[in-house]
Amino acid sequence: MENDDKNDTKYAEIKMGAGWFLTISLTSSERYEKEYVEIAKERGGQKRSRFNLNPKYVRELGEELIRFADKNKL
């Protein structure tokens, strides 16, 4: 996992195969004036699919992913 130098705490990416990246960023909605976490699959600077997550669930998601990986020996 790598962090972008400019926004060290607001952006991270995980390199996947065939030029794909899983990006995680803290973003604000101008329309609703709320922050959210965007998880996206990206290649060549274009986001192919994305998921917006309320920041209060980020830690819970991370912990659940770890439990899932442990249970399935990933």
N, C-alpha and C. Protein backbone atom coordinates (compact mmCIF):
# COMPACT_ATOMS: atom_id res chain seq x y z
N MET A 1 0.86 -1.17 0.00
CA MET A 1 0.00 0.00 0.00
C MET A 1 0.90 1.23 0.00
N GLU A 2 0.59 2.18 -0.84
CA GLU A 2 1.40 3.38 -0.94
C GLU A 2 0.56 4.61 -0.65
N ASN A 3 1.20 5.62 -0.07
CA ASN A 3 0.52 6.90 0.18
C ASN A 3 1.02 7.93 -0.81
N ASP A 4 0.14 8.81 -1.24
CA ASP A 4 0.51 9.92 -2.10
C ASP A 4 1.21 10.97 -1.25
N ASP A 5 2.32 11.54 -1.72
CA ASP A 5 3.08 12.51 -0.93
C ASP A 5 2.30 13.78 -0.63
N LYS A 6 1.45 14.22 -1.56
CA LYS A 6 0.75 15.49 -1.38
C LYS A 6 -0.32 15.43 -0.29
N ASN A 7 -1.09 14.36 -0.26
CA ASN A 7 -2.17 14.22 0.71
C ASN A 7 -1.95 12.94 1.51
N ASP A 8 -0.89 12.91 2.28
CA ASP A 8 -0.43 11.69 2.93
C ASP A 8 -1.52 10.95 3.69
N THR A 9 -2.39 11.65 4.41
CA THR A 9 -3.40 10.97 5.21
C THR A 9 -4.73 10.83 4.49
N LYS A 10 -4.88 11.43 3.32
CA LYS A 10 -6.18 11.42 2.64
C LYS A 10 -6.21 10.54 1.40
N TYR A 11 -5.13 9.83 1.10
CA TYR A 11 -5.09 9.02 -0.11
C TYR A 11 -4.15 7.84 0.08
N ALA A 12 -4.59 6.67 -0.38
CA ALA A 12 -3.73 5.48 -0.38
C ALA A 12 -4.12 4.65 -1.59
N GLU A 13 -3.18 3.85 -2.07
CA GLU A 13 -3.49 2.97 -3.18
C GLU A 13 -2.82 1.62 -2.98
N ILE A 14 -3.47 0.59 -3.49
CA ILE A 14 -2.95 -0.77 -3.45
C ILE A 14 -2.80 -1.21 -4.90
N LYS A 15 -1.58 -1.60 -5.27
CA LYS A 15 -1.32 -2.02 -6.64
C LYS A 15 -1.86 -3.44 -6.82
N MET A 16 -2.66 -3.60 -7.85
CA MET A 16 -3.20 -4.91 -8.19
C MET A 16 -2.58 -5.32 -9.53
N GLY A 17 -2.98 -6.40 -10.12
CA GLY A 17 -2.41 -6.86 -11.38
C GLY A 17 -2.93 -6.10 -12.58
N ALA A 18 -2.24 -6.24 -13.70
CA ALA A 18 -2.63 -5.71 -15.01
C ALA A 18 -2.86 -4.19 -15.01
N GLY A 19 -2.11 -3.47 -14.19
CA GLY A 19 -2.20 -2.01 -14.18
C GLY A 19 -3.34 -1.44 -13.35
N TRP A 20 -4.05 -2.27 -12.61
CA TRP A 20 -5.16 -1.80 -11.78
C TRP A 20 -4.67 -1.38 -10.40
N PHE A 21 -5.34 -0.40 -9.82
CA PHE A 21 -5.08 0.06 -8.47
C PHE A 21 -6.39 0.10 -7.70
N LEU A 22 -6.34 -0.23 -6.43
CA LEU A 22 -7.46 -0.02 -5.52
C LEU A 22 -7.12 1.24 -4.76
N THR A 23 -7.90 2.30 -4.95
CA THR A 23 -7.59 3.57 -4.31
C THR A 23 -8.57 3.84 -3.17
N ILE A 24 -8.05 4.45 -2.12
CA ILE A 24 -8.84 4.81 -0.95
C ILE A 24 -8.57 6.28 -0.68
N SER A 25 -9.63 7.08 -0.68
CA SER A 25 -9.42 8.52 -0.46
C SER A 25 -10.52 9.10 0.40
N LEU A 26 -10.15 10.10 1.18
CA LEU A 26 -11.11 10.85 1.98
C LEU A 26 -11.53 12.05 1.14
N THR A 27 -12.81 12.15 0.84
CA THR A 27 -13.33 13.16 -0.08
C THR A 27 -14.49 13.89 0.56
N SER A 28 -14.73 15.10 0.10
CA SER A 28 -15.87 15.89 0.58
C SER A 28 -16.88 16.07 -0.54
N SER A 29 -18.13 16.06 -0.17
CA SER A 29 -19.20 16.32 -1.11
C SER A 29 -19.52 17.81 -1.07
N GLU A 30 -19.36 18.49 -2.19
CA GLU A 30 -19.69 19.92 -2.22
C GLU A 30 -21.19 20.13 -2.08
N ARG A 31 -21.94 19.23 -2.63
CA ARG A 31 -23.41 19.37 -2.61
C ARG A 31 -23.99 19.20 -1.20
N TYR A 32 -23.50 18.19 -0.47
CA TYR A 32 -24.05 17.90 0.85
C TYR A 32 -23.16 18.35 2.01
N GLU A 33 -21.96 18.85 1.67
CA GLU A 33 -21.00 19.32 2.67
C GLU A 33 -20.69 18.25 3.73
N LYS A 34 -20.50 17.01 3.27
CA LYS A 34 -20.16 15.88 4.14
C LYS A 34 -18.90 15.22 3.63
N GLU A 35 -18.14 14.61 4.54
CA GLU A 35 -16.98 13.84 4.14
C GLU A 35 -17.38 12.38 3.99
N TYR A 36 -16.72 11.70 3.05
CA TYR A 36 -16.92 10.27 2.89
C TYR A 36 -15.62 9.65 2.40
N VAL A 37 -15.53 8.34 2.52
CA VAL A 37 -14.37 7.60 2.05
C VAL A 37 -14.77 6.93 0.74
N GLU A 38 -13.99 7.20 -0.30
CA GLU A 38 -14.25 6.59 -1.60
C GLU A 38 -13.25 5.47 -1.82
N ILE A 39 -13.76 4.29 -2.11
CA ILE A 39 -12.93 3.14 -2.47
C ILE A 39 -13.21 2.88 -3.94
N ALA A 40 -12.15 2.90 -4.76
CA ALA A 40 -12.36 2.79 -6.20
C ALA A 40 -11.34 1.85 -6.84
N LYS A 41 -11.75 1.23 -7.93
CA LYS A 41 -10.86 0.45 -8.77
C LYS A 41 -10.50 1.36 -9.94
N GLU A 42 -9.19 1.55 -10.16
CA GLU A 42 -8.75 2.56 -11.12
C GLU A 42 -7.64 2.00 -12.02
N ARG A 43 -7.66 2.42 -13.27
CA ARG A 43 -6.58 2.07 -14.20
C ARG A 43 -6.46 3.20 -15.21
N GLY A 44 -5.23 3.62 -15.44
CA GLY A 44 -4.97 4.67 -16.42
C GLY A 44 -5.63 6.00 -16.05
N GLY A 45 -5.77 6.26 -14.75
CA GLY A 45 -6.36 7.51 -14.30
C GLY A 45 -7.87 7.56 -14.35
N GLN A 46 -8.50 6.47 -14.79
CA GLN A 46 -9.96 6.43 -14.85
C GLN A 46 -10.51 5.46 -13.82
N LYS A 47 -11.50 5.92 -13.08
CA LYS A 47 -12.14 5.08 -12.08
C LYS A 47 -13.21 4.23 -12.76
N ARG A 48 -13.09 2.93 -12.60
CA ARG A 48 -14.03 2.01 -13.25
C ARG A 48 -15.22 1.71 -12.35
N SER A 49 -14.97 1.54 -11.09
CA SER A 49 -16.06 1.29 -10.15
C SER A 49 -15.67 1.90 -8.82
N ARG A 50 -16.66 2.41 -8.10
CA ARG A 50 -16.35 3.05 -6.83
C ARG A 50 -17.47 2.80 -5.82
N PHE A 51 -17.07 2.95 -4.58
CA PHE A 51 -17.98 2.74 -3.46
C PHE A 51 -17.73 3.85 -2.46
N ASN A 52 -18.77 4.54 -2.04
CA ASN A 52 -18.64 5.61 -1.05
C ASN A 52 -19.08 5.08 0.31
N LEU A 53 -18.27 5.34 1.32
CA LEU A 53 -18.49 4.80 2.66
C LEU A 53 -18.50 5.91 3.69
N ASN A 54 -19.46 5.88 4.58
CA ASN A 54 -19.51 6.83 5.68
C ASN A 54 -18.26 6.61 6.54
N PRO A 55 -17.51 7.67 6.88
CA PRO A 55 -16.27 7.52 7.63
C PRO A 55 -16.41 6.79 8.96
N LYS A 56 -17.59 6.82 9.57
CA LYS A 56 -17.72 6.16 10.87
C LYS A 56 -17.67 4.64 10.75
N TYR A 57 -17.78 4.09 9.54
CA TYR A 57 -17.73 2.64 9.35
C TYR A 57 -16.38 2.13 8.83
N VAL A 58 -15.43 3.00 8.61
CA VAL A 58 -14.15 2.61 8.01
C VAL A 58 -13.39 1.62 8.90
N ARG A 59 -13.26 1.91 10.16
CA ARG A 59 -12.53 1.02 11.06
C ARG A 59 -13.22 -0.34 11.15
N GLU A 60 -14.55 -0.33 11.24
CA GLU A 60 -15.30 -1.58 11.32
C GLU A 60 -15.10 -2.42 10.05
N LEU A 61 -15.09 -1.78 8.88
CA LEU A 61 -14.84 -2.48 7.63
C LEU A 61 -13.45 -3.10 7.63
N GLY A 62 -12.45 -2.34 8.03
CA GLY A 62 -11.08 -2.84 8.08
C GLY A 62 -10.94 -4.05 9.00
N GLU A 63 -11.54 -3.98 10.17
CA GLU A 63 -11.48 -5.09 11.12
C GLU A 63 -12.20 -6.31 10.58
N GLU A 64 -13.32 -6.10 9.90
CA GLU A 64 -14.06 -7.22 9.32
C GLU A 64 -13.28 -7.86 8.18
N LEU A 65 -12.59 -7.05 7.37
CA LEU A 65 -11.75 -7.60 6.30
C LEU A 65 -10.63 -8.47 6.87
N ILE A 66 -10.03 -8.04 7.97
CA ILE A 66 -8.97 -8.83 8.61
C ILE A 66 -9.55 -10.15 9.12
N ARG A 67 -10.71 -10.11 9.79
CA ARG A 67 -11.34 -11.34 10.27
C ARG A 67 -11.67 -12.28 9.11
N PHE A 68 -12.19 -11.73 8.02
CA PHE A 68 -12.53 -12.52 6.84
C PHE A 68 -11.28 -13.19 6.28
N ALA A 69 -10.19 -12.43 6.15
CA ALA A 69 -8.94 -12.99 5.63
C ALA A 69 -8.40 -14.09 6.54
N ASP A 70 -8.46 -13.86 7.85
CA ASP A 70 -7.98 -14.87 8.80
C ASP A 70 -8.79 -16.15 8.72
N LYS A 71 -10.12 -16.03 8.68
CA LYS A 71 -11.00 -17.21 8.62
C LYS A 71 -10.80 -18.01 7.35
N ASN A 72 -10.49 -17.32 6.25
CA ASN A 72 -10.33 -17.98 4.96
C ASN A 72 -8.88 -18.20 4.56
N LYS A 73 -7.98 -17.99 5.53
CA LYS A 73 -6.53 -18.21 5.32
C LYS A 73 -6.01 -17.49 4.07
N LEU A 74 -6.39 -16.20 3.96
CA LEU A 74 -5.95 -15.39 2.82
C LEU A 74 -4.75 -14.55 3.19
